[in-house]
PDB file of N, CA and C in Angstrom:
ATOM      1  N   UNK A   1       0.816  -1.175   0.000  1.00  0.00           N
ATOM      2  CA  UNK A   1       0.000   0.000   0.000  1.00  0.00           C
ATOM      3  C   UNK A   1       0.869   1.252   0.000  1.00  0.00           C
ATOM      4  N   UNK A   2       0.488   2.241  -0.746  1.00  0.00           N
ATOM      5  CA  UNK A   2       1.244   3.478  -0.854  1.00  0.00           C
ATOM      6  C   UNK A   2       0.713   4.467   0.182  1.00  0.00           C
ATOM      7  N   UNK A   3       1.571   4.921   1.120  1.00  0.00           N
ATOM      8  CA  UNK A   3       1.161   5.832   2.196  1.00  0.00           C
ATOM      9  C   UNK A   3       1.355   7.305   1.846  1.00  0.00           C
ATOM     10  N   UNK A   4       1.915   7.618   0.677  1.00  0.00           N
ATOM     11  CA  UNK A   4       2.163   9.007   0.302  1.00  0.00           C
ATOM     12  C   UNK A   4       0.884   9.639  -0.214  1.00  0.00           C
ATOM     13  N   UNK A   5       0.669  10.894   0.189  1.00  0.00           N
ATOM     14  CA  UNK A   5      -0.488  11.647  -0.277  1.00  0.00           C
ATOM     15  C   UNK A   5      -0.160  12.309  -1.612  1.00  0.00           C
ATOM     16  N   UNK A   6      -1.119  12.407  -2.515  1.00  0.00           N
ATOM     17  CA  UNK A   6      -0.848  13.108  -3.766  1.00  0.00           C
ATOM     18  C   UNK A   6      -0.643  14.597  -3.496  1.00  0.00           C
ATOM     19  N   UNK A   7       0.406  15.175  -4.083  1.00  0.00           N
ATOM     20  CA  UNK A   7       0.758  16.574  -3.831  1.00  0.00           C
ATOM     21  C   UNK A   7       0.769  17.318  -5.163  1.00  0.00           C
ATOM     22  N   UNK A   8       0.056  18.420  -5.217  1.00  0.00           N
ATOM     23  CA  UNK A   8       0.075  19.213  -6.443  1.00  0.00           C
ATOM     24  C   UNK A   8       1.336  20.078  -6.475  1.00  0.00           C
ATOM     25  N   UNK A   9       1.726  20.558  -7.642  1.00  0.00           N
ATOM     26  CA  UNK A   9       2.979  21.327  -7.743  1.00  0.00           C
ATOM     27  C   UNK A   9       2.979  22.609  -6.921  1.00  0.00           C
ATOM     28  N   UNK A  10       1.808  23.264  -6.796  1.00  0.00           N
ATOM     29  CA  UNK A  10       1.753  24.494  -6.000  1.00  0.00           C
ATOM     30  C   UNK A  10       2.009  24.215  -4.523  1.00  0.00           C
ATOM     31  N   UNK A  11       1.424  23.125  -4.032  1.00  0.00           N
ATOM     32  CA  UNK A  11       1.643  22.755  -2.630  1.00  0.00           C
ATOM     33  C   UNK A  11       3.094  22.371  -2.395  1.00  0.00           C
ATOM     34  N   UNK A  12       3.712  21.715  -3.335  1.00  0.00           N
ATOM     35  CA  UNK A  12       5.122  21.345  -3.199  1.00  0.00           C
ATOM     36  C   UNK A  12       6.004  22.587  -3.188  1.00  0.00           C
ATOM     37  N   UNK A  13       5.665  23.590  -3.996  1.00  0.00           N
ATOM     38  CA  UNK A  13       6.445  24.833  -4.012  1.00  0.00           C
ATOM     39  C   UNK A  13       6.297  25.584  -2.695  1.00  0.00           C
ATOM     40  N   UNK A  14       5.065  25.633  -2.152  1.00  0.00           N
ATOM     41  CA  UNK A  14       4.856  26.292  -0.855  1.00  0.00           C
ATOM     42  C   UNK A  14       5.618  25.567   0.244  1.00  0.00           C
ATOM     43  N   UNK A  15       5.601  24.257   0.224  1.00  0.00           N
ATOM     44  CA  UNK A  15       6.309  23.484   1.245  1.00  0.00           C
ATOM     45  C   UNK A  15       7.811  23.720   1.150  1.00  0.00           C
ATOM     46  N   UNK A  16       8.337  23.817  -0.063  1.00  0.00           N
ATOM     47  CA  UNK A  16       9.775  24.055  -0.233  1.00  0.00           C
ATOM     48  C   UNK A  16      10.155  25.450   0.257  1.00  0.00           C
ATOM     49  N   UNK A  17       9.267  26.433   0.057  1.00  0.00           N
ATOM     50  CA  UNK A  17       9.599  27.806   0.432  1.00  0.00           C
ATOM     51  C   UNK A  17       9.312  28.096   1.896  1.00  0.00           C
ATOM     52  N   UNK A  18       8.161  27.618   2.406  1.00  0.00           N
ATOM     53  CA  UNK A  18       7.728  27.968   3.761  1.00  0.00           C
ATOM     54  C   UNK A  18       7.640  26.748   4.675  1.00  0.00           C
ATOM     55  N   UNK A  19       8.284  25.661   4.345  1.00  0.00           N
ATOM     56  CA  UNK A  19       8.126  24.413   5.079  1.00  0.00           C
ATOM     57  C   UNK A  19       8.766  24.382   6.452  1.00  0.00           C
ATOM     58  N   UNK A  20       9.708  25.288   6.752  1.00  0.00           N
ATOM     59  CA  UNK A  20      10.346  25.276   8.073  1.00  0.00           C
ATOM     60  C   UNK A  20      10.406  26.693   8.622  1.00  0.00           C
ATOM     61  N   UNK A  21      10.504  26.785   9.918  1.00  0.00           N
ATOM     62  CA  UNK A  21      10.586  28.086  10.589  1.00  0.00           C
ATOM     63  C   UNK A  21      11.992  28.655  10.449  1.00  0.00           C
ATOM     64  N   UNK A  22      12.132  29.984  10.454  1.00  0.00           N
ATOM     65  CA  UNK A  22      13.472  30.574  10.412  1.00  0.00           C
ATOM     66  C   UNK A  22      14.206  30.325  11.727  1.00  0.00           C
ATOM     67  N   UNK A  23      15.496  30.521  11.693  1.00  0.00           N
ATOM     68  CA  UNK A  23      16.302  30.318  12.894  1.00  0.00           C
ATOM     69  C   UNK A  23      15.940  31.371  13.930  1.00  0.00           C
ATOM     70  N   UNK A  24      16.063  31.011  15.204  1.00  0.00           N
ATOM     71  CA  UNK A  24      15.751  31.945  16.284  1.00  0.00           C
ATOM     72  C   UNK A  24      16.819  33.027  16.365  1.00  0.00           C
ATOM     73  N   UNK A  25      16.379  34.225  16.756  1.00  0.00           N
ATOM     74  CA  UNK A  25      17.285  35.350  16.958  1.00  0.00           C
ATOM     75  C   UNK A  25      17.476  35.515  18.459  1.00  0.00           C
ATOM     76  N   UNK A  26      18.718  35.560  18.883  1.00  0.00           N
ATOM     77  CA  UNK A  26      19.002  35.696  20.307  1.00  0.00           C
ATOM     78  C   UNK A  26      18.683  37.107  20.780  1.00  0.00           C
ATOM     79  N   UNK A  27      18.344  37.246  22.059  1.00  0.00           N
ATOM     80  CA  UNK A  27      18.026  38.554  22.636  1.00  0.00           C
ATOM     81  C   UNK A  27      19.248  39.462  22.575  1.00  0.00           C
ATOM     82  N   UNK A  28      20.414  38.912  22.758  1.00  0.00           N
ATOM     83  CA  UNK A  28      21.641  39.708  22.714  1.00  0.00           C
ATOM     84  C   UNK A  28      21.854  40.325  21.338  1.00  0.00           C
ATOM     85  N   UNK A  29      21.361  39.677  20.278  1.00  0.00           N
ATOM     86  CA  UNK A  29      21.510  40.208  18.936  1.00  0.00           C
ATOM     87  C   UNK A  29      20.472  41.280  18.620  1.00  0.00           C
ATOM     88  N   UNK A  30      19.419  41.398  19.438  1.00  0.00           N
ATOM     89  CA  UNK A  30      18.358  42.362  19.181  1.00  0.00           C
ATOM     90  C   UNK A  30      18.505  43.640  19.982  1.00  0.00           C
ATOM     91  N   UNK A  31      19.413  43.702  20.931  1.00  0.00           N
ATOM     92  CA  UNK A  31      19.558  44.872  21.787  1.00  0.00           C
ATOM     93  C   UNK A  31      20.929  45.510  21.604  1.00  0.00           C
ATOM     94  N   UNK A  32      20.988  46.795  21.881  1.00  0.00           N
ATOM     95  CA  UNK A  32      22.246  47.533  21.798  1.00  0.00           C
ATOM     96  C   UNK A  32      22.437  48.273  23.119  1.00  0.00           C
ATOM     97  N   UNK A  33      23.604  48.134  23.705  1.00  0.00           N
ATOM     98  CA  UNK A  33      23.943  48.879  24.912  1.00  0.00           C
ATOM     99  C   UNK A  33      24.649  50.156  24.493  1.00  0.00           C
ATOM    100  N   UNK A  34      24.072  51.298  24.894  1.00  0.00           N
ATOM    101  CA  UNK A  34      24.670  52.587  24.547  1.00  0.00           C
ATOM    102  C   UNK A  34      24.658  53.483  25.774  1.00  0.00           C
ATOM    103  N   UNK A  35      25.695  54.279  25.901  1.00  0.00           N
ATOM    104  CA  UNK A  35      25.794  55.234  26.997  1.00  0.00           C
ATOM    105  C   UNK A  35      24.896  56.432  26.685  1.00  0.00           C
ATOM    106  N   UNK A  36      24.238  56.946  27.704  1.00  0.00           N
ATOM    107  CA  UNK A  36      23.419  58.135  27.522  1.00  0.00           C
ATOM    108  C   UNK A  36      24.077  59.308  28.235  1.00  0.00           C
ATOM    109  N   UNK A  37      23.788  60.488  27.751  1.00  0.00           N
ATOM    110  CA  UNK A  37      24.363  61.687  28.347  1.00  0.00           C
ATOM    111  C   UNK A  37      23.635  61.984  29.653  1.00  0.00           C
ATOM    112  N   UNK A  38      24.340  62.460  30.669  1.00  0.00           N
ATOM    113  CA  UNK A  38      23.676  62.800  31.923  1.00  0.00           C
ATOM    114  C   UNK A  38      22.731  63.981  31.739  1.00  0.00           C
ATOM    115  N   UNK A  39      21.603  63.944  32.404  1.00  0.00           N
ATOM    116  CA  UNK A  39      20.646  65.037  32.339  1.00  0.00           C
ATOM    117  C   UNK A  39      19.790  65.023  31.090  1.00  0.00           C
ATOM    118  N   UNK A  40      19.735  63.928  30.363  1.00  0.00           N
ATOM    119  CA  UNK A  40      18.894  63.853  29.184  1.00  0.00           C
ATOM    120  C   UNK A  40      19.533  64.389  27.920  1.00  0.00           C
ATOM    121  N   UNK A  41      20.775  64.782  27.958  1.00  0.00           N
ATOM    122  CA  UNK A  41      21.472  65.214  26.750  1.00  0.00           C
ATOM    123  C   UNK A  41      21.059  66.582  26.241  1.00  0.00           C
ATOM    124  N   UNK A  42      20.550  67.453  27.116  1.00  0.00           N
ATOM    125  CA  UNK A  42      20.203  68.798  26.699  1.00  0.00           C
ATOM    126  C   UNK A  42      18.834  68.903  26.058  1.00  0.00           C
ATOM    127  N   UNK A  43      18.044  67.875  26.099  1.00  0.00           N
ATOM    128  CA  UNK A  43      16.703  67.910  25.509  1.00  0.00           C
ATOM    129  C   UNK A  43      15.684  68.250  26.589  1.00  0.00           C
ATOM    130  N   UNK A  44      15.951  69.307  27.339  1.00  0.00           N
ATOM    131  CA  UNK A  44      15.051  69.685  28.420  1.00  0.00           C
ATOM    132  C   UNK A  44      13.936  70.581  27.888  1.00  0.00           C
ATOM    133  N   UNK A  45      12.918  70.770  28.694  1.00  0.00           N
ATOM    134  CA  UNK A  45      11.741  71.549  28.318  1.00  0.00           C
ATOM    135  C   UNK A  45      12.044  73.033  28.426  1.00  0.00           C
ATOM    136  N   UNK A  46      11.719  73.767  27.377  1.00  0.00           N
ATOM    137  CA  UNK A  46      11.893  75.216  27.373  1.00  0.00           C
ATOM    138  C   UNK A  46      10.522  75.832  27.109  1.00  0.00           C
ATOM    139  N   UNK A  47       9.869  76.415  28.129  1.00  0.00           N
ATOM    140  CA  UNK A  47       8.503  76.925  27.946  1.00  0.00           C
ATOM    141  C   UNK A  47       8.406  78.106  26.990  1.00  0.00           C
ATOM    142  N   UNK A  48       9.488  78.863  26.802  1.00  0.00           N
ATOM    143  CA  UNK A  48       9.433  80.019  25.916  1.00  0.00           C
ATOM    144  C   UNK A  48       9.359  79.616  24.446  1.00  0.00           C
ATOM    145  N   UNK A  49       9.900  78.476  24.090  1.00  0.00           N
ATOM    146  CA  UNK A  49       9.857  78.048  22.697  1.00  0.00           C
ATOM    147  C   UNK A  49       8.942  76.841  22.490  1.00  0.00           C
ATOM    148  N   UNK A  50       8.112  76.516  23.471  1.00  0.00           N
ATOM    149  CA  UNK A  50       7.228  75.369  23.351  1.00  0.00           C
ATOM    150  C   UNK A  50       6.160  75.592  22.293  1.00  0.00           C
ATOM    151  N   UNK A  51       5.776  76.837  22.042  1.00  0.00           N
ATOM    152  CA  UNK A  51       4.735  77.113  21.055  1.00  0.00           C
ATOM    153  C   UNK A  51       5.200  76.788  19.635  1.00  0.00           C
ATOM    154  N   UNK A  52       6.490  76.649  19.408  1.00  0.00           N
ATOM    155  CA  UNK A  52       7.003  76.338  18.083  1.00  0.00           C
ATOM    156  C   UNK A  52       6.590  74.941  17.613  1.00  0.00           C
ATOM    157  N   UNK A  53       6.239  74.079  18.517  1.00  0.00           N
ATOM    158  CA  UNK A  53       5.951  72.700  18.175  1.00  0.00           C
ATOM    159  C   UNK A  53       4.461  72.428  18.025  1.00  0.00           C
ATOM    160  N   UNK A  54       3.620  73.417  18.239  1.00  0.00           N
ATOM    161  CA  UNK A  54       2.177  73.214  18.159  1.00  0.00           C
ATOM    162  C   UNK A  54       1.602  74.079  17.048  1.00  0.00           C
ATOM    163  N   UNK A  55       0.539  73.601  16.429  1.00  0.00           N
ATOM    164  CA  UNK A  55      -0.114  74.351  15.384  1.00  0.00           C
ATOM    165  C   UNK A  55      -1.552  74.629  15.793  1.00  0.00           C
ATOM    166  N   UNK A  56      -1.996  75.855  15.589  1.00  0.00           N
ATOM    167  CA  UNK A  56      -3.357  76.263  15.927  1.00  0.00           C
ATOM    168  C   UNK A  56      -3.886  77.058  14.749  1.00  0.00           C
ATOM    169  N   UNK A  57      -5.013  76.631  14.200  1.00  0.00           N
ATOM    170  CA  UNK A  57      -5.589  77.295  13.042  1.00  0.00           C
ATOM    171  C   UNK A  57      -5.945  78.742  13.362  1.00  0.00           C
ATOM    172  N   UNK A  58      -6.474  78.990  14.565  1.00  0.00           N
ATOM    173  CA  UNK A  58      -6.843  80.348  14.937  1.00  0.00           C
ATOM    174  C   UNK A  58      -5.619  81.265  14.956  1.00  0.00           C
ATOM    175  N   UNK A  59      -4.509  80.783  15.467  1.00  0.00           N
ATOM    176  CA  UNK A  59      -3.284  81.592  15.487  1.00  0.00           C
ATOM    177  C   UNK A  59      -2.741  81.773  14.075  1.00  0.00           C
ATOM    178  N   UNK A  60      -2.832  80.726  13.234  1.00  0.00           N
ATOM    179  CA  UNK A  60      -2.346  80.850  11.863  1.00  0.00           C
ATOM    180  C   UNK A  60      -3.132  81.874  11.068  1.00  0.00           C
ATOM    181  N   UNK A  61      -4.431  81.998  11.347  1.00  0.00           N
ATOM    182  CA  UNK A  61      -5.271  82.956  10.638  1.00  0.00           C
ATOM    183  C   UNK A  61      -5.242  84.345  11.277  1.00  0.00           C
ATOM    184  N   UNK A  62      -4.589  84.463  12.414  1.00  0.00           N
ATOM    185  CA  UNK A  62      -4.490  85.738  13.099  1.00  0.00           C
ATOM    186  C   UNK A  62      -5.734  86.125  13.834  1.00  0.00           C
ATOM    187  N   UNK A  63      -6.521  85.160  14.273  1.00  0.00           N
ATOM    188  CA  UNK A  63      -7.772  85.442  14.979  1.00  0.00           C
ATOM    189  C   UNK A  63      -7.545  85.633  16.455  1.00  0.00           C
TER     190      UNK A  63
END
């Protein structure tokens, strides 16, 4: 008795391409250790120039 299942060419191509899982990626390969500057690196909040980052239609139209 033949125990093999009939396989169409499309199924054989899918099995050849996607038949196994990719190799695992180690956590050490996904992370980078980098030194940071003390105090946030100069990216502190400046209230006098905070309006530069926001847009308001009323202000743009001069209302």
